């Protein structure tokens, strides 16, 4: 049965008695009430870097301002009261429908619960039943879960059970402590030779350095360069700049600062500089074991751009991640030439879970859109056609 948050008191995290089969889903009213339990779950269980408390709290605070969106947190407990799975949601109301998704929107490449091994073992059908029941209490018409990893850190994602392949894949690479061995595997000898030649051209303009933001001032400088470089790039492509949104900029600044003093920022910022000029930027959601690329940009000046500063920054960033002891590096969801350095594919699925009759109509329509989008994404000539049309419109 379900229960609406009566208490967020902490219970021991661990394996419950095998005979405890009755589960209950409760709602935590505020992020402040959830913080201690959330941090324990993420440290003792598993989640993607996008579900770290600092990342999620920065996102919620920025997006809630001036918005009518709701941000409930659902917590699954076993019969003994042990927390098994935590699910941060955002509920958006459009055209009379309330649609719930895992918090993060398009800024989160992966959507996954914060879960213990026992939580990962729950049957998908049972979890969906509980979500539907709680959804009725919350006034939700449907759940729209996208880019769900089938598994994470060796644990199955129960939300992904029965899902359909997402429109785009995600790309990752395994890391080890030997940065040179990792780079040799991911970059061919010829590619690295070309990159050394390109770096030499940059050095003719000034000293080249790789910097990681370690202070608020450094983070702000890297983000300012990113916003400017990305605005120029989107204008060239004829695409509206999603990073021009004030709430998005507030979120990125807040997440880049959260945990920075302790050396564990929610978003880690990297820059390649020539002298004092930032010629490329890279931002990633991170935890102790994984670096998840969120964005990348480069200086559009032809003299700079010809030297592939973005690729040079990726090479140095990957080497740095190896030295930090991280085990996986990824470049997120979507098709792009620079992602070919990643030699593994992350399997992702989408799940649409209707709660009401109106939600069922929405889910059917959304499923058709997802199918069409996947067909487009998996057809190279169609992608080229859309890209060409955007560039033509931008020139006009």
Protein backbone atom coordinates (compact mmCIF):
# COMPACT_ATOMS: atom_id res chain seq x y z
CA UNK A 1 0.00 0.00 0.00
CA UNK A 2 1.05 3.63 -0.34
CA UNK A 3 1.40 6.32 2.23
CA UNK A 4 1.83 10.06 1.92
CA UNK A 5 4.83 11.35 3.88
CA UNK A 6 4.11 10.90 7.52
CA UNK A 7 7.73 10.84 8.58
CA UNK A 8 11.17 11.20 7.06
CA UNK A 9 12.91 9.75 10.12
CA UNK A 10 16.06 7.89 9.21
CA UNK A 11 16.09 4.10 9.37
CA UNK A 12 19.16 1.92 8.87
CA UNK A 13 20.13 1.43 5.24
CA UNK A 14 20.89 -2.15 4.35
CA UNK A 15 19.42 -5.50 3.53
CA UNK A 16 15.99 -6.10 4.99
CA UNK A 17 14.71 -9.47 6.14
CA UNK A 18 13.82 -11.58 3.12
CA UNK A 19 10.34 -12.08 4.56
CA UNK A 20 9.63 -8.35 4.42
CA UNK A 21 7.65 -8.12 1.18
CA UNK A 22 5.22 -5.27 1.90
CA UNK A 23 6.49 -1.99 0.44
CA UNK A 24 5.31 1.54 1.01
CA UNK A 25 5.90 4.71 -0.94
CA UNK A 26 5.93 7.98 0.93
CA UNK A 27 6.42 11.59 -0.04
CA UNK A 28 9.08 13.82 1.51
CA UNK A 29 7.78 17.35 1.60
CA UNK A 30 10.97 19.40 1.28
CA UNK A 31 14.55 19.06 0.13
CA UNK A 32 15.69 20.11 3.59
CA UNK A 33 13.75 17.20 5.11
CA UNK A 34 15.19 14.78 2.57
CA UNK A 35 18.84 15.93 2.58
CA UNK A 36 20.37 13.70 5.29
CA UNK A 37 18.67 10.54 4.03
CA UNK A 38 19.38 11.42 0.40
CA UNK A 39 23.09 11.90 1.07
CA UNK A 40 23.27 8.58 2.93
CA UNK A 41 21.53 6.77 0.10
CA UNK A 42 23.79 8.24 -2.59
CA UNK A 43 26.92 7.36 -0.58
CA UNK A 44 25.86 3.85 0.45
CA UNK A 45 23.76 2.97 -2.61
CA UNK A 46 24.08 4.04 -6.24
CA UNK A 47 22.85 6.89 -8.42
CA UNK A 48 24.11 8.80 -11.42
CA UNK A 49 25.91 12.10 -10.78
CA UNK A 50 22.72 13.84 -11.93
CA UNK A 51 20.89 12.50 -8.88
CA UNK A 52 23.48 13.68 -6.36
CA UNK A 53 21.77 15.89 -3.79
CA UNK A 54 23.90 18.95 -4.62
CA UNK A 55 23.15 18.72 -8.35
CA UNK A 56 19.43 18.13 -7.81
CA UNK A 57 19.04 20.84 -5.16
CA UNK A 58 20.77 23.43 -7.39
CA UNK A 59 18.49 22.50 -10.29
CA UNK A 60 15.31 22.60 -8.21
CA UNK A 61 16.11 25.96 -6.63
CA UNK A 62 16.87 27.59 -9.98
CA UNK A 63 13.90 26.12 -11.86
CA UNK A 64 11.34 26.62 -9.08
CA UNK A 65 11.75 30.41 -9.07
CA UNK A 66 8.83 31.98 -10.92
CA UNK A 67 7.55 28.57 -12.03
CA UNK A 68 4.40 26.63 -11.18
CA UNK A 69 6.28 23.32 -11.35
CA UNK A 70 6.21 21.04 -8.31
CA UNK A 71 9.21 19.03 -7.10
CA UNK A 72 8.01 16.11 -4.96
CA UNK A 73 10.43 13.48 -3.64
CA UNK A 74 9.18 9.89 -3.39
CA UNK A 75 10.81 7.42 -1.01
CA UNK A 76 10.26 3.66 -1.11
CA UNK A 77 10.65 1.74 2.16
CA UNK A 78 10.36 -1.93 2.96
CA UNK A 79 8.17 -3.37 5.71
CA UNK A 80 10.88 -2.76 8.29
CA UNK A 81 11.09 0.91 7.34
CA UNK A 82 14.44 0.62 5.59
CA UNK A 83 14.82 3.06 2.67
CA UNK A 84 15.25 1.27 -0.65
CA UNK A 85 14.81 3.83 -3.39
CA UNK A 86 14.48 7.61 -3.66
CA UNK A 87 12.96 9.29 -6.70
CA UNK A 88 13.21 13.10 -7.15
CA UNK A 89 10.49 14.31 -9.51
CA UNK A 90 9.40 17.48 -11.25
CA UNK A 91 5.77 17.88 -12.23
CA UNK A 92 4.90 20.27 -15.03
CA UNK A 93 1.37 21.33 -15.93
CA UNK A 94 0.62 22.07 -19.58
CA UNK A 95 -2.67 22.17 -21.46
CA UNK A 96 -4.52 20.84 -18.45
CA UNK A 97 -2.19 17.86 -17.97
CA UNK A 98 0.17 17.18 -15.07
CA UNK A 99 3.20 15.25 -16.32
CA UNK A 100 5.85 13.98 -13.90
CA UNK A 101 9.43 13.20 -14.86
CA UNK A 102 12.66 12.58 -13.00
CA UNK A 103 14.18 15.90 -12.01
CA UNK A 104 16.76 17.39 -14.36
CA UNK A 105 15.05 17.70 -17.71
CA UNK A 106 17.42 17.92 -20.67
CA UNK A 107 20.26 19.01 -18.41
CA UNK A 108 20.47 15.46 -17.04
CA UNK A 109 21.73 12.94 -19.56
CA UNK A 110 20.62 10.03 -17.36
CA UNK A 111 17.53 9.59 -15.20
CA UNK A 112 17.71 7.00 -12.48
CA UNK A 113 16.54 6.56 -8.88
CA UNK A 114 18.91 6.77 -5.93
CA UNK A 115 18.77 3.15 -4.82
CA UNK A 116 20.15 0.40 -2.62
CA UNK A 117 20.80 -3.12 -3.99
CA UNK A 118 17.47 -4.18 -2.51
CA UNK A 119 15.72 -1.25 -4.18
CA UNK A 120 17.24 -2.24 -7.51
CA UNK A 121 15.73 -5.69 -7.07
CA UNK A 122 12.11 -4.57 -6.85
CA UNK A 123 9.92 -5.84 -9.69
CA UNK A 124 9.13 -3.15 -12.23
CA UNK A 125 5.44 -4.06 -12.19
CA UNK A 126 5.22 -3.54 -8.42
CA UNK A 127 7.05 -0.22 -8.63
CA UNK A 128 4.71 0.98 -11.38
CA UNK A 129 1.69 0.02 -9.24
CA UNK A 130 3.02 2.06 -6.34
CA UNK A 131 3.81 5.02 -8.59
CA UNK A 132 0.33 5.00 -10.09
CA UNK A 133 -1.24 4.95 -6.63
CA UNK A 134 0.89 7.84 -5.37
CA UNK A 135 0.38 9.65 -8.68
CA UNK A 136 -3.35 9.81 -8.01
CA UNK A 137 -2.66 11.46 -4.64
CA UNK A 138 -0.37 13.98 -6.35
CA UNK A 139 -2.82 14.75 -9.17
CA UNK A 140 -0.45 13.38 -11.83
CA UNK A 141 -1.86 12.32 -15.20
CA UNK A 142 1.21 10.45 -16.41
CA UNK A 143 4.87 9.76 -15.69
CA UNK A 144 7.28 10.44 -18.54
CA UNK A 145 10.63 8.79 -17.84
CA UNK A 146 13.26 9.31 -20.55
CA UNK A 147 16.92 8.30 -20.96
CA UNK A 148 16.71 5.60 -18.30
CA UNK A 149 19.90 3.52 -18.06
CA UNK A 150 18.99 -0.16 -18.08
CA UNK A 151 21.52 -0.59 -15.29
CA UNK A 152 23.90 1.58 -13.28
CA UNK A 153 27.05 0.60 -11.42
CA UNK A 154 26.13 -3.06 -11.80
CA UNK A 155 22.57 -2.69 -10.47
CA UNK A 156 19.44 -3.03 -12.60
CA UNK A 157 17.28 0.08 -12.88
CA UNK A 158 13.76 -1.08 -11.94
CA UNK A 159 12.19 1.94 -13.64
CA UNK A 160 13.63 0.80 -16.97
CA UNK A 161 11.92 -2.60 -16.98
CA UNK A 162 9.83 -2.98 -20.15
CA UNK A 163 11.00 0.34 -21.60
CA UNK A 164 11.42 1.16 -25.29
CA UNK A 165 14.81 2.17 -26.73
CA UNK A 166 15.40 5.92 -26.40
CA UNK A 167 15.75 8.01 -29.59
CA UNK A 168 19.50 8.42 -29.01
CA UNK A 169 22.20 6.37 -27.38
CA UNK A 170 24.79 7.56 -24.88
CA UNK A 171 28.53 7.00 -25.13
CA UNK A 172 31.08 6.14 -22.45
CA UNK A 173 34.64 4.88 -21.96
CA UNK A 174 36.21 2.87 -19.16
CA UNK A 175 39.13 4.53 -17.37
CA UNK A 176 42.00 3.15 -15.34
CA UNK A 177 44.80 4.60 -13.27
CA UNK A 178 47.17 4.56 -16.23
CA UNK A 179 46.15 7.68 -18.16
CA UNK A 180 48.59 6.97 -20.98
CA UNK A 181 47.14 3.51 -21.56
CA UNK A 182 43.61 4.92 -21.55
CA UNK A 183 44.47 7.67 -24.04
CA UNK A 184 46.26 5.20 -26.31
CA UNK A 185 43.12 3.08 -26.39
CA UNK A 186 40.72 5.95 -27.07
CA UNK A 187 42.86 8.03 -29.45
CA UNK A 188 44.68 6.44 -32.36
CA UNK A 189 48.37 7.15 -32.86
CA UNK A 190 47.52 9.21 -35.92
CA UNK A 191 44.86 11.23 -34.04
CA UNK A 192 47.24 12.09 -31.22
CA UNK A 193 49.93 13.08 -33.69
CA UNK A 194 47.49 15.47 -35.38
CA UNK A 195 46.41 16.89 -32.04
CA UNK A 196 50.04 17.52 -31.03
CA UNK A 197 50.50 19.41 -34.30
CA UNK A 198 47.39 21.48 -33.63
CA UNK A 199 48.48 22.24 -30.08
CA UNK A 200 51.79 23.50 -31.45
CA UNK A 201 49.84 26.03 -33.53
CA UNK A 202 48.05 27.22 -30.41
CA UNK A 203 51.37 27.51 -28.55
CA UNK A 204 52.52 29.91 -31.23
CA UNK A 205 49.80 32.24 -29.90
CA UNK A 206 50.72 31.85 -26.24
CA UNK A 207 51.19 29.33 -23.40
CA UNK A 208 48.57 26.53 -23.48
CA UNK A 209 47.20 25.28 -20.18
CA UNK A 210 44.44 23.07 -18.78
CA UNK A 211 42.59 24.61 -15.83
CA UNK A 212 39.99 23.16 -13.46
CA UNK A 213 37.80 25.62 -11.56
CA UNK A 214 38.80 25.63 -7.89
CA UNK A 215 37.15 28.90 -6.83
CA UNK A 216 33.95 30.82 -7.49
CA UNK A 217 35.87 33.36 -9.58
CA UNK A 218 37.41 30.65 -11.78
CA UNK A 219 34.03 28.95 -12.21
CA UNK A 220 32.41 32.23 -13.23
CA UNK A 221 35.16 32.96 -15.79
CA UNK A 222 34.78 29.53 -17.41
CA UNK A 223 30.98 29.78 -17.49
CA UNK A 224 31.13 33.28 -19.00
CA UNK A 225 33.35 31.96 -21.80
CA UNK A 226 31.03 28.97 -22.27
CA UNK A 227 27.90 31.14 -22.56
CA UNK A 228 29.56 33.41 -25.13
CA UNK A 229 31.03 30.56 -27.19
CA UNK A 230 27.79 28.58 -27.16
CA UNK A 231 25.70 31.61 -28.17
CA UNK A 232 27.92 32.11 -31.22
CA UNK A 233 27.70 28.43 -32.13
CA UNK A 234 23.92 28.19 -31.84
CA UNK A 235 23.53 31.36 -33.89
CA UNK A 236 25.66 29.82 -36.63
CA UNK A 237 23.52 26.67 -36.60
CA UNK A 238 20.23 28.57 -36.59
CA UNK A 239 19.17 27.06 -33.25
CA UNK A 240 17.71 28.91 -30.28
CA UNK A 241 20.28 29.06 -27.49
CA UNK A 242 18.95 27.03 -24.51
CA UNK A 243 21.72 28.40 -22.29
CA UNK A 244 20.42 31.96 -22.67
CA UNK A 245 17.61 31.14 -20.23
CA UNK A 246 18.28 32.96 -16.90
CA UNK A 247 17.12 29.97 -14.83
CA UNK A 248 19.53 27.67 -16.68
CA UNK A 249 22.42 30.05 -16.07
CA UNK A 250 21.51 30.31 -12.40
CA UNK A 251 21.43 26.52 -12.13
CA UNK A 252 24.84 26.04 -13.77
CA UNK A 253 26.44 28.69 -11.56
CA UNK A 254 24.88 27.22 -8.41
CA UNK A 255 25.79 23.61 -9.27
CA UNK A 256 29.36 24.61 -10.17
CA UNK A 257 29.68 26.19 -6.73
CA UNK A 258 27.93 23.47 -4.70
CA UNK A 259 30.62 21.41 -2.96
CA UNK A 260 33.43 23.34 -4.65
CA UNK A 261 35.12 24.29 -1.37
CA UNK A 262 35.37 20.59 -0.48
CA UNK A 263 36.68 19.71 -3.94
CA UNK A 264 33.45 17.88 -4.87
CA UNK A 265 31.44 20.29 -7.06
CA UNK A 266 28.16 19.06 -8.52
CA UNK A 267 29.38 20.34 -11.90
CA UNK A 268 33.11 20.23 -12.54
CA UNK A 269 34.38 22.93 -14.92
CA UNK A 270 37.42 22.59 -17.19
CA UNK A 271 39.01 25.10 -19.55
CA UNK A 272 41.79 25.16 -22.12
CA UNK A 273 43.56 28.50 -22.15
CA UNK A 274 46.00 30.23 -24.47
CA UNK A 275 47.60 32.83 -22.27
CA UNK A 276 44.65 34.31 -20.37
CA UNK A 277 42.16 33.54 -23.15
CA UNK A 278 39.75 30.63 -22.62
CA UNK A 279 39.57 28.84 -25.96
CA UNK A 280 37.50 25.79 -24.92
CA UNK A 281 35.32 24.74 -21.99
CA UNK A 282 33.94 21.46 -20.67
CA UNK A 283 31.42 20.90 -17.87
CA UNK A 284 30.59 17.59 -16.25
CA UNK A 285 28.39 16.17 -13.53
CA UNK A 286 30.71 14.08 -11.36
CA UNK A 287 30.90 11.75 -8.41
CA UNK A 288 33.74 9.68 -6.99
CA UNK A 289 33.64 7.09 -9.79
CA UNK A 290 32.25 8.74 -12.89
CA UNK A 291 32.55 11.89 -14.99
CA UNK A 292 29.44 12.64 -17.08
CA UNK A 293 29.97 15.29 -19.73
CA UNK A 294 27.19 17.89 -19.82
CA UNK A 295 28.50 20.51 -22.25
CA UNK A 296 31.48 21.55 -24.34
CA UNK A 297 32.32 24.69 -26.29
CA UNK A 298 35.18 26.28 -28.20
CA UNK A 299 36.25 29.73 -29.39
CA UNK A 300 34.76 30.35 -32.86
CA UNK A 301 37.71 32.47 -34.03
CA UNK A 302 38.90 30.56 -37.15
CA UNK A 303 42.53 30.77 -36.04
CA UNK A 304 41.59 29.07 -32.78
CA UNK A 305 38.89 26.74 -34.07
CA UNK A 306 41.18 25.19 -36.71
CA UNK A 307 43.37 23.91 -33.88
CA UNK A 308 40.48 21.80 -32.45
CA UNK A 309 40.69 23.24 -28.91
CA UNK A 310 37.66 21.20 -27.81
CA UNK A 311 39.38 17.91 -28.67
CA UNK A 312 42.61 19.06 -27.03
CA UNK A 313 40.66 19.85 -23.86
CA UNK A 314 38.94 16.44 -23.92
CA UNK A 315 42.30 14.70 -24.16
CA UNK A 316 43.61 16.53 -21.08
CA UNK A 317 40.36 16.14 -19.18
CA UNK A 318 40.29 12.38 -19.68
CA UNK A 319 43.89 12.09 -18.49
CA UNK A 320 42.99 14.14 -15.41
CA UNK A 321 39.94 11.93 -14.65
CA UNK A 322 42.20 8.87 -14.67
CA UNK A 323 44.48 10.51 -12.10
CA UNK A 324 41.45 11.25 -9.88
CA UNK A 325 40.63 7.55 -9.75
CA UNK A 326 37.38 7.77 -11.69
CA UNK A 327 36.44 4.61 -13.56
CA UNK A 328 34.10 5.86 -16.29
CA UNK A 329 34.01 8.89 -18.57
CA UNK A 330 31.04 9.65 -20.78
CA UNK A 331 29.92 12.30 -23.24
CA UNK A 332 26.20 11.91 -22.67
CA UNK A 333 23.25 11.39 -24.97
CA UNK A 334 23.12 12.27 -28.65
CA UNK A 335 25.04 11.89 -31.85
CA UNK A 336 28.17 14.01 -32.45
CA UNK A 337 31.48 13.41 -34.18
CA UNK A 338 33.60 14.18 -31.10
CA UNK A 339 31.87 11.40 -29.14
CA UNK A 340 33.58 8.76 -31.29
CA UNK A 341 36.42 8.70 -28.79
CA UNK A 342 34.09 6.76 -26.46
CA UNK A 343 34.25 3.06 -27.26
CA UNK A 344 31.17 1.81 -25.39
CA UNK A 345 27.44 2.49 -25.71
CA UNK A 346 25.13 3.14 -22.75
CA UNK A 347 21.79 1.39 -23.29
CA UNK A 348 18.90 3.78 -22.59
CA UNK A 349 15.13 3.30 -22.64
CA UNK A 350 12.02 5.46 -22.22
CA UNK A 351 8.96 4.59 -20.13
CA UNK A 352 5.53 6.23 -20.29
CA UNK A 353 3.29 5.40 -17.36
CA UNK A 354 -0.29 6.75 -17.52
CA UNK A 355 -2.19 7.36 -14.29
CA UNK A 356 -5.48 8.81 -15.61
CA UNK A 357 -7.51 8.42 -18.81
CA UNK A 358 -6.14 11.75 -20.04
CA UNK A 359 -2.67 10.53 -19.19
CA UNK A 360 -3.23 7.43 -21.33
CA UNK A 361 -4.02 9.64 -24.35
CA UNK A 362 -0.89 11.68 -23.67
CA UNK A 363 1.24 8.52 -23.33
CA UNK A 364 0.01 7.13 -26.66
CA UNK A 365 0.81 10.40 -28.45
CA UNK A 366 4.22 10.72 -26.77
CA UNK A 367 5.10 7.13 -27.70
CA UNK A 368 4.45 7.94 -31.37
CA UNK A 369 6.67 11.02 -31.14
CA UNK A 370 9.47 9.01 -29.49
CA UNK A 371 9.28 6.38 -32.24
CA UNK A 372 9.47 8.99 -34.99
CA UNK A 373 12.32 10.78 -33.26
CA UNK A 374 14.31 7.57 -32.92
CA UNK A 375 13.79 6.86 -36.63
CA UNK A 376 15.16 10.30 -37.46
CA UNK A 377 18.11 10.02 -35.08
CA UNK A 378 19.08 6.63 -36.50
CA UNK A 379 19.03 7.92 -40.10
CA UNK A 380 22.25 9.83 -40.88
CA UNK A 381 21.00 11.48 -44.07
CA UNK A 382 17.94 12.83 -42.25
CA UNK A 383 20.14 14.36 -39.55
CA UNK A 384 22.28 16.02 -42.24
CA UNK A 385 19.15 17.35 -43.96
CA UNK A 386 17.79 18.95 -40.78
CA UNK A 387 21.21 20.42 -39.95
CA UNK A 388 21.54 21.88 -43.45
CA UNK A 389 18.08 23.45 -43.29
CA UNK A 390 18.90 25.08 -39.95
CA UNK A 391 22.15 26.55 -41.29
CA UNK A 392 20.35 27.87 -44.39
CA UNK A 393 17.69 29.56 -42.27
CA UNK A 394 20.36 31.02 -40.00
CA UNK A 395 22.17 32.56 -42.98
CA UNK A 396 18.90 34.06 -44.23
